[in-house]
Amino acid sequence: MSIGNYDNLTQLGSKVLAESDPKLSQLEVVQNPHKNINYVARFSTREFTSLCPITGQPDYAVIVIDYVPDEYIVESKSLKLFLQSFRNHGDFHEACTIYIAQRLIDIAKPKWLRICAYWAPRGGIPIDVFYQTGEAPNGVFIESTDEFRRR
């Protein structure tokens, strides 16, 4: 069964290095093979790294992205490379989190998206940043993200 044309993908199946800046990173999408069904896709990483824009010190986060696809699904290798491009990027926790959400919304145009960023404490204070586009569509299972905070 063919689920789409992948000619537009430039990263999958190729050796590609992460960009040094998220603005240069290319997110890619493919046609959703189940666009008439509401379902949640989750991406999570426990190894997200960016830099403090003031001190240049590394900041670490667990990032959880849930979305209900519409016409497109996010190609996971491009997402991995996009997230990796933050490693040498200096910005505040809130800015990084919202930028990730906005880029995903712009490229994938999901029916619904939620991002939860659990940043490691600095000076004893964790900063958790949450964003979602509105109410999730009726009938989809939205798993709690509480488990990520405990780990």
N, C-alpha and C. Protein backbone atom coordinates (compact mmCIF):
# COMPACT_ATOMS: atom_id res chain seq x y z
N MET A 1 0.84 -1.18 0.00
CA MET A 1 0.00 0.00 0.00
C MET A 1 0.88 1.24 0.00
N SER A 2 0.69 2.12 -0.93
CA SER A 2 1.43 3.37 -0.99
C SER A 2 0.67 4.42 -0.20
N ILE A 3 1.39 5.14 0.65
CA ILE A 3 0.72 6.16 1.46
C ILE A 3 1.16 7.57 1.10
N GLY A 4 1.87 7.72 0.00
CA GLY A 4 2.21 9.08 -0.40
C GLY A 4 3.50 9.15 -1.19
N ASN A 5 3.74 10.31 -1.69
CA ASN A 5 4.93 10.60 -2.44
C ASN A 5 5.93 11.28 -1.52
N TYR A 6 7.14 10.76 -1.46
CA TYR A 6 8.15 11.29 -0.56
C TYR A 6 9.25 12.03 -1.29
N ASP A 7 9.01 12.41 -2.54
CA ASP A 7 10.02 13.10 -3.34
C ASP A 7 10.43 14.44 -2.73
N ASN A 8 9.57 15.04 -1.93
CA ASN A 8 9.88 16.35 -1.35
C ASN A 8 10.82 16.26 -0.14
N LEU A 9 11.07 15.06 0.38
CA LEU A 9 11.93 14.91 1.55
C LEU A 9 13.39 15.02 1.13
N THR A 10 14.14 15.85 1.84
CA THR A 10 15.55 16.07 1.50
C THR A 10 16.50 15.50 2.55
N GLN A 11 15.97 15.08 3.71
CA GLN A 11 16.85 14.66 4.80
C GLN A 11 16.77 13.16 5.08
N LEU A 12 15.58 12.59 4.99
CA LEU A 12 15.39 11.18 5.29
C LEU A 12 16.19 10.33 4.31
N GLY A 13 16.98 9.41 4.84
CA GLY A 13 17.79 8.53 4.00
C GLY A 13 19.11 9.14 3.56
N SER A 14 19.40 10.34 4.02
CA SER A 14 20.65 11.00 3.66
C SER A 14 21.42 11.36 4.93
N LYS A 15 22.73 11.48 4.78
CA LYS A 15 23.54 11.96 5.91
C LYS A 15 23.39 13.48 5.94
N VAL A 16 22.78 13.96 7.01
CA VAL A 16 22.53 15.39 7.16
C VAL A 16 22.95 15.79 8.56
N LEU A 17 23.70 16.86 8.65
CA LEU A 17 24.11 17.39 9.95
C LEU A 17 23.11 18.44 10.40
N ALA A 18 22.96 18.56 11.71
CA ALA A 18 22.07 19.58 12.26
C ALA A 18 22.63 20.96 11.97
N GLU A 19 21.74 21.90 11.70
CA GLU A 19 22.14 23.29 11.50
C GLU A 19 22.61 23.88 12.83
N SER A 20 23.33 24.97 12.76
CA SER A 20 23.84 25.63 13.96
C SER A 20 22.84 26.63 14.54
N ASP A 21 21.73 26.84 13.84
CA ASP A 21 20.71 27.79 14.27
C ASP A 21 19.34 27.24 13.86
N PRO A 22 18.36 27.23 14.78
CA PRO A 22 17.04 26.69 14.43
C PRO A 22 16.38 27.39 13.25
N LYS A 23 16.68 28.66 13.03
CA LYS A 23 16.08 29.38 11.90
C LYS A 23 16.55 28.84 10.56
N LEU A 24 17.71 28.18 10.55
CA LEU A 24 18.24 27.60 9.32
C LEU A 24 17.78 26.16 9.12
N SER A 25 17.24 25.56 10.16
CA SER A 25 16.84 24.16 10.12
C SER A 25 15.55 23.98 9.33
N GLN A 26 15.50 22.90 8.56
CA GLN A 26 14.34 22.64 7.70
C GLN A 26 13.46 21.54 8.30
N LEU A 27 12.26 21.89 8.67
CA LEU A 27 11.27 20.90 9.09
C LEU A 27 10.56 20.40 7.85
N GLU A 28 10.30 19.10 7.80
CA GLU A 28 9.63 18.51 6.64
C GLU A 28 8.38 17.76 7.08
N VAL A 29 7.43 17.68 6.17
CA VAL A 29 6.18 16.97 6.41
C VAL A 29 5.88 16.05 5.24
N VAL A 30 5.03 15.07 5.50
CA VAL A 30 4.51 14.20 4.45
C VAL A 30 2.99 14.15 4.60
N GLN A 31 2.33 13.69 3.57
CA GLN A 31 0.88 13.55 3.61
C GLN A 31 0.47 12.61 4.74
N ASN A 32 -0.56 12.97 5.44
CA ASN A 32 -1.11 12.13 6.51
C ASN A 32 -1.91 10.99 5.85
N PRO A 33 -1.49 9.75 6.06
CA PRO A 33 -2.21 8.64 5.43
C PRO A 33 -3.59 8.38 6.05
N HIS A 34 -3.88 9.02 7.18
CA HIS A 34 -5.15 8.82 7.88
C HIS A 34 -5.79 10.17 8.20
N LYS A 35 -5.85 11.05 7.21
CA LYS A 35 -6.32 12.41 7.46
C LYS A 35 -7.78 12.50 7.87
N ASN A 36 -8.55 11.46 7.67
CA ASN A 36 -9.96 11.48 8.07
C ASN A 36 -10.19 10.91 9.46
N ILE A 37 -9.10 10.58 10.15
CA ILE A 37 -9.18 10.04 11.51
C ILE A 37 -8.46 10.98 12.45
N ASN A 38 -9.10 11.33 13.55
CA ASN A 38 -8.42 12.12 14.58
C ASN A 38 -7.63 11.19 15.48
N TYR A 39 -6.33 11.43 15.58
CA TYR A 39 -5.46 10.68 16.46
C TYR A 39 -4.35 11.61 16.94
N VAL A 40 -3.71 11.23 18.02
CA VAL A 40 -2.63 12.04 18.58
C VAL A 40 -1.30 11.37 18.28
N ALA A 41 -0.36 12.15 17.77
CA ALA A 41 1.02 11.70 17.62
C ALA A 41 1.86 12.43 18.66
N ARG A 42 2.75 11.70 19.31
CA ARG A 42 3.59 12.30 20.36
C ARG A 42 5.05 12.14 20.00
N PHE A 43 5.78 13.24 20.13
CA PHE A 43 7.24 13.22 20.07
C PHE A 43 7.73 13.64 21.45
N SER A 44 8.77 12.99 21.93
CA SER A 44 9.36 13.43 23.20
C SER A 44 10.86 13.23 23.15
N THR A 45 11.56 14.13 23.77
CA THR A 45 13.00 14.01 23.89
C THR A 45 13.41 14.40 25.29
N ARG A 46 14.30 13.64 25.84
CA ARG A 46 14.84 13.93 27.17
C ARG A 46 16.21 14.59 27.08
N GLU A 47 16.62 14.88 25.87
CA GLU A 47 17.99 15.39 25.66
C GLU A 47 18.01 16.73 24.95
N PHE A 48 17.00 17.56 25.13
CA PHE A 48 16.97 18.86 24.49
C PHE A 48 17.96 19.79 25.19
N THR A 49 18.74 20.50 24.41
CA THR A 49 19.74 21.42 24.94
C THR A 49 19.70 22.73 24.18
N SER A 50 19.78 23.82 24.90
CA SER A 50 19.98 25.14 24.31
C SER A 50 20.94 25.88 25.23
N LEU A 51 21.21 27.13 24.92
CA LEU A 51 22.13 27.92 25.73
C LEU A 51 21.42 29.11 26.35
N CYS A 52 21.84 29.46 27.56
CA CYS A 52 21.35 30.69 28.18
C CYS A 52 21.87 31.86 27.34
N PRO A 53 20.98 32.79 26.96
CA PRO A 53 21.42 33.89 26.11
C PRO A 53 22.34 34.90 26.82
N ILE A 54 22.38 34.83 28.14
CA ILE A 54 23.20 35.78 28.91
C ILE A 54 24.55 35.16 29.27
N THR A 55 24.52 33.96 29.85
CA THR A 55 25.75 33.35 30.35
C THR A 55 26.41 32.40 29.35
N GLY A 56 25.63 31.91 28.38
CA GLY A 56 26.16 30.93 27.45
C GLY A 56 26.22 29.52 28.02
N GLN A 57 25.74 29.35 29.25
CA GLN A 57 25.74 28.03 29.88
C GLN A 57 24.61 27.17 29.29
N PRO A 58 24.81 25.85 29.25
CA PRO A 58 23.77 25.00 28.67
C PRO A 58 22.54 24.89 29.56
N ASP A 59 21.40 24.81 28.92
CA ASP A 59 20.12 24.54 29.57
C ASP A 59 19.59 23.24 29.01
N TYR A 60 18.97 22.43 29.86
CA TYR A 60 18.49 21.11 29.48
C TYR A 60 17.00 21.02 29.72
N ALA A 61 16.32 20.30 28.83
CA ALA A 61 14.87 20.16 28.98
C ALA A 61 14.40 18.81 28.45
N VAL A 62 13.28 18.39 28.99
CA VAL A 62 12.48 17.32 28.41
C VAL A 62 11.38 18.03 27.64
N ILE A 63 11.25 17.71 26.37
CA ILE A 63 10.24 18.33 25.52
C ILE A 63 9.25 17.26 25.09
N VAL A 64 7.97 17.52 25.29
CA VAL A 64 6.90 16.62 24.86
C VAL A 64 5.99 17.39 23.92
N ILE A 65 5.83 16.86 22.70
CA ILE A 65 4.99 17.49 21.69
C ILE A 65 3.88 16.51 21.32
N ASP A 66 2.65 16.91 21.54
CA ASP A 66 1.49 16.14 21.12
C ASP A 66 0.78 16.94 20.04
N TYR A 67 0.34 16.25 18.98
CA TYR A 67 -0.44 16.96 17.97
C TYR A 67 -1.42 16.03 17.29
N VAL A 68 -2.52 16.61 16.83
CA VAL A 68 -3.51 15.91 16.03
C VAL A 68 -3.29 16.36 14.60
N PRO A 69 -2.77 15.47 13.75
CA PRO A 69 -2.47 15.88 12.37
C PRO A 69 -3.74 16.18 11.58
N ASP A 70 -3.56 17.00 10.55
CA ASP A 70 -4.61 17.26 9.58
C ASP A 70 -4.13 16.68 8.25
N GLU A 71 -3.74 17.50 7.33
CA GLU A 71 -3.28 17.02 6.01
C GLU A 71 -1.88 16.42 6.06
N TYR A 72 -1.06 16.87 7.04
CA TYR A 72 0.35 16.47 7.06
C TYR A 72 0.75 15.89 8.40
N ILE A 73 1.79 15.04 8.36
CA ILE A 73 2.46 14.58 9.57
C ILE A 73 3.91 15.05 9.50
N VAL A 74 4.49 15.25 10.66
CA VAL A 74 5.87 15.74 10.75
C VAL A 74 6.82 14.57 10.51
N GLU A 75 7.77 14.79 9.63
CA GLU A 75 8.79 13.76 9.38
C GLU A 75 9.77 13.81 10.55
N SER A 76 9.96 12.68 11.23
CA SER A 76 10.65 12.67 12.52
C SER A 76 12.14 12.99 12.43
N LYS A 77 12.83 12.59 11.37
CA LYS A 77 14.26 12.92 11.28
C LYS A 77 14.45 14.43 11.17
N SER A 78 13.60 15.09 10.40
CA SER A 78 13.72 16.55 10.29
C SER A 78 13.44 17.21 11.63
N LEU A 79 12.50 16.66 12.41
CA LEU A 79 12.22 17.20 13.74
C LEU A 79 13.43 17.01 14.65
N LYS A 80 14.02 15.84 14.59
CA LYS A 80 15.21 15.56 15.41
C LYS A 80 16.32 16.56 15.09
N LEU A 81 16.57 16.79 13.81
CA LEU A 81 17.61 17.73 13.41
C LEU A 81 17.26 19.17 13.81
N PHE A 82 15.98 19.51 13.71
CA PHE A 82 15.51 20.83 14.13
C PHE A 82 15.77 21.03 15.62
N LEU A 83 15.38 20.06 16.44
CA LEU A 83 15.58 20.18 17.88
C LEU A 83 17.07 20.22 18.22
N GLN A 84 17.86 19.46 17.50
CA GLN A 84 19.31 19.43 17.74
C GLN A 84 19.95 20.78 17.40
N SER A 85 19.35 21.54 16.49
CA SER A 85 19.92 22.83 16.08
C SER A 85 19.90 23.87 17.20
N PHE A 86 19.20 23.61 18.28
CA PHE A 86 19.16 24.53 19.42
C PHE A 86 20.40 24.41 20.30
N ARG A 87 21.22 23.39 20.09
CA ARG A 87 22.35 23.14 21.00
C ARG A 87 23.31 24.31 21.13
N ASN A 88 23.48 25.09 20.10
CA ASN A 88 24.37 26.24 20.16
C ASN A 88 23.60 27.55 20.02
N HIS A 89 22.32 27.50 20.31
CA HIS A 89 21.43 28.66 20.17
C HIS A 89 21.12 29.22 21.55
N GLY A 90 21.34 30.50 21.72
CA GLY A 90 21.05 31.14 22.99
C GLY A 90 19.69 31.82 22.98
N ASP A 91 18.82 31.37 23.87
CA ASP A 91 17.51 32.00 24.03
C ASP A 91 16.91 31.55 25.35
N PHE A 92 15.93 32.30 25.83
CA PHE A 92 15.27 31.94 27.08
C PHE A 92 14.36 30.74 26.87
N HIS A 93 14.05 30.05 27.97
CA HIS A 93 13.24 28.83 27.91
C HIS A 93 11.92 29.07 27.20
N GLU A 94 11.25 30.14 27.56
CA GLU A 94 9.95 30.44 26.97
C GLU A 94 10.07 30.66 25.46
N ALA A 95 11.09 31.38 25.04
CA ALA A 95 11.28 31.67 23.62
C ALA A 95 11.55 30.39 22.82
N CYS A 96 12.40 29.52 23.34
CA CYS A 96 12.68 28.25 22.65
C CYS A 96 11.41 27.42 22.50
N THR A 97 10.66 27.29 23.58
CA THR A 97 9.46 26.46 23.57
C THR A 97 8.43 26.98 22.57
N ILE A 98 8.15 28.26 22.61
CA ILE A 98 7.14 28.82 21.72
C ILE A 98 7.62 28.80 20.27
N TYR A 99 8.91 28.99 20.04
CA TYR A 99 9.44 28.94 18.67
C TYR A 99 9.24 27.54 18.08
N ILE A 100 9.50 26.51 18.87
CA ILE A 100 9.29 25.13 18.40
C ILE A 100 7.82 24.94 18.01
N ALA A 101 6.92 25.37 18.89
CA ALA A 101 5.48 25.23 18.60
C ALA A 101 5.10 25.98 17.34
N GLN A 102 5.56 27.21 17.20
CA GLN A 102 5.17 28.01 16.03
C GLN A 102 5.69 27.41 14.73
N ARG A 103 6.91 26.91 14.74
CA ARG A 103 7.45 26.29 13.52
C ARG A 103 6.64 25.06 13.13
N LEU A 104 6.27 24.24 14.13
CA LEU A 104 5.48 23.05 13.83
C LEU A 104 4.10 23.42 13.31
N ILE A 105 3.49 24.43 13.88
CA ILE A 105 2.18 24.89 13.41
C ILE A 105 2.29 25.41 11.98
N ASP A 106 3.32 26.18 11.72
CA ASP A 106 3.50 26.75 10.38
C ASP A 106 3.69 25.69 9.30
N ILE A 107 4.45 24.65 9.60
CA ILE A 107 4.77 23.65 8.57
C ILE A 107 3.72 22.54 8.49
N ALA A 108 3.22 22.08 9.62
CA ALA A 108 2.32 20.92 9.62
C ALA A 108 0.84 21.29 9.66
N LYS A 109 0.55 22.48 10.12
CA LYS A 109 -0.84 22.95 10.22
C LYS A 109 -1.75 21.91 10.90
N PRO A 110 -1.38 21.49 12.11
CA PRO A 110 -2.18 20.46 12.79
C PRO A 110 -3.54 20.97 13.23
N LYS A 111 -4.44 20.03 13.46
CA LYS A 111 -5.75 20.38 14.02
C LYS A 111 -5.60 20.88 15.45
N TRP A 112 -4.60 20.34 16.14
CA TRP A 112 -4.34 20.71 17.54
C TRP A 112 -2.89 20.39 17.86
N LEU A 113 -2.28 21.20 18.71
CA LEU A 113 -0.91 20.96 19.13
C LEU A 113 -0.74 21.40 20.57
N ARG A 114 0.04 20.62 21.31
CA ARG A 114 0.43 20.98 22.68
C ARG A 114 1.91 20.70 22.82
N ILE A 115 2.62 21.62 23.44
CA ILE A 115 4.03 21.38 23.75
C ILE A 115 4.22 21.63 25.23
N CYS A 116 4.93 20.71 25.87
CA CYS A 116 5.27 20.83 27.29
C CYS A 116 6.79 20.75 27.38
N ALA A 117 7.39 21.77 27.94
CA ALA A 117 8.85 21.81 28.10
C ALA A 117 9.16 21.86 29.58
N TYR A 118 9.84 20.83 30.06
CA TYR A 118 10.23 20.72 31.46
C TYR A 118 11.72 21.01 31.54
N TRP A 119 12.06 22.22 31.91
CA TRP A 119 13.45 22.66 31.94
C TRP A 119 14.09 22.31 33.27
N ALA A 120 15.34 21.85 33.21
CA ALA A 120 16.08 21.50 34.42
C ALA A 120 16.27 22.76 35.27
N PRO A 121 16.23 22.60 36.59
CA PRO A 121 16.37 23.76 37.47
C PRO A 121 17.70 24.48 37.29
N ARG A 122 17.62 25.78 37.38
CA ARG A 122 18.82 26.65 37.45
C ARG A 122 18.63 27.50 38.68
N GLY A 123 19.59 27.47 39.56
CA GLY A 123 19.45 28.22 40.81
C GLY A 123 18.32 27.69 41.66
N GLY A 124 18.00 26.41 41.49
CA GLY A 124 16.97 25.77 42.29
C GLY A 124 15.54 26.01 41.79
N ILE A 125 15.38 26.70 40.66
CA ILE A 125 14.04 27.01 40.16
C ILE A 125 13.86 26.40 38.77
N PRO A 126 12.97 25.39 38.67
CA PRO A 126 12.67 24.88 37.32
C PRO A 126 11.70 25.82 36.62
N ILE A 127 11.82 25.89 35.32
CA ILE A 127 10.87 26.66 34.52
C ILE A 127 10.21 25.68 33.56
N ASP A 128 8.94 25.45 33.74
CA ASP A 128 8.18 24.59 32.84
C ASP A 128 7.32 25.49 31.97
N VAL A 129 7.35 25.24 30.66
CA VAL A 129 6.62 26.09 29.71
C VAL A 129 5.62 25.21 28.96
N PHE A 130 4.36 25.64 28.94
CA PHE A 130 3.30 24.88 28.29
C PHE A 130 2.58 25.78 27.29
N TYR A 131 2.24 25.20 26.15
CA TYR A 131 1.49 25.93 25.13
C TYR A 131 0.59 24.95 24.40
N GLN A 132 -0.62 25.36 24.11
CA GLN A 132 -1.47 24.56 23.23
C GLN A 132 -2.35 25.48 22.42
N THR A 133 -2.79 24.97 21.28
CA THR A 133 -3.51 25.79 20.32
C THR A 133 -4.99 25.97 20.64
N GLY A 134 -5.50 25.29 21.60
CA GLY A 134 -6.92 25.37 21.95
C GLY A 134 -7.37 24.03 22.48
N GLU A 135 -8.66 23.77 22.40
CA GLU A 135 -9.20 22.50 22.85
C GLU A 135 -8.87 21.40 21.85
N ALA A 136 -8.53 20.23 22.36
CA ALA A 136 -8.28 19.08 21.49
C ALA A 136 -9.59 18.64 20.85
N PRO A 137 -9.53 18.08 19.64
CA PRO A 137 -10.76 17.58 19.01
C PRO A 137 -11.44 16.52 19.89
N ASN A 138 -12.74 16.48 19.84
CA ASN A 138 -13.50 15.49 20.60
C ASN A 138 -13.10 14.08 20.21
N GLY A 139 -13.03 13.23 21.22
CA GLY A 139 -12.82 11.81 20.97
C GLY A 139 -11.39 11.35 20.88
N VAL A 140 -10.40 12.26 20.96
CA VAL A 140 -9.01 11.80 20.92
C VAL A 140 -8.50 11.60 22.34
N PHE A 141 -7.65 10.61 22.49
CA PHE A 141 -7.04 10.32 23.78
C PHE A 141 -5.82 11.20 23.96
N ILE A 142 -5.82 12.00 25.00
CA ILE A 142 -4.69 12.87 25.31
C ILE A 142 -4.05 12.34 26.59
N GLU A 143 -2.90 11.73 26.45
CA GLU A 143 -2.20 11.19 27.61
C GLU A 143 -1.63 12.32 28.45
N SER A 144 -1.61 12.11 29.74
CA SER A 144 -1.05 13.09 30.66
C SER A 144 0.46 13.20 30.42
N THR A 145 1.00 14.36 30.69
CA THR A 145 2.46 14.52 30.61
C THR A 145 3.09 14.51 31.99
N ASP A 146 2.31 14.23 33.04
CA ASP A 146 2.83 14.21 34.41
C ASP A 146 3.99 13.23 34.57
N GLU A 147 3.96 12.13 33.85
CA GLU A 147 5.01 11.12 33.98
C GLU A 147 6.38 11.69 33.64
N PHE A 148 6.45 12.64 32.74
CA PHE A 148 7.73 13.20 32.33
C PHE A 148 8.33 14.08 33.41
N ARG A 149 7.49 14.72 34.19
CA ARG A 149 7.98 15.57 35.28
C ARG A 149 8.64 14.73 36.36
N ARG A 150 8.13 13.55 36.63
CA ARG A 150 8.64 12.71 37.70
C ARG A 150 9.96 12.04 37.34
N ARG A 151 10.26 11.91 36.07
CA ARG A 151 11.47 11.17 35.67
C ARG A 151 12.70 12.03 35.68
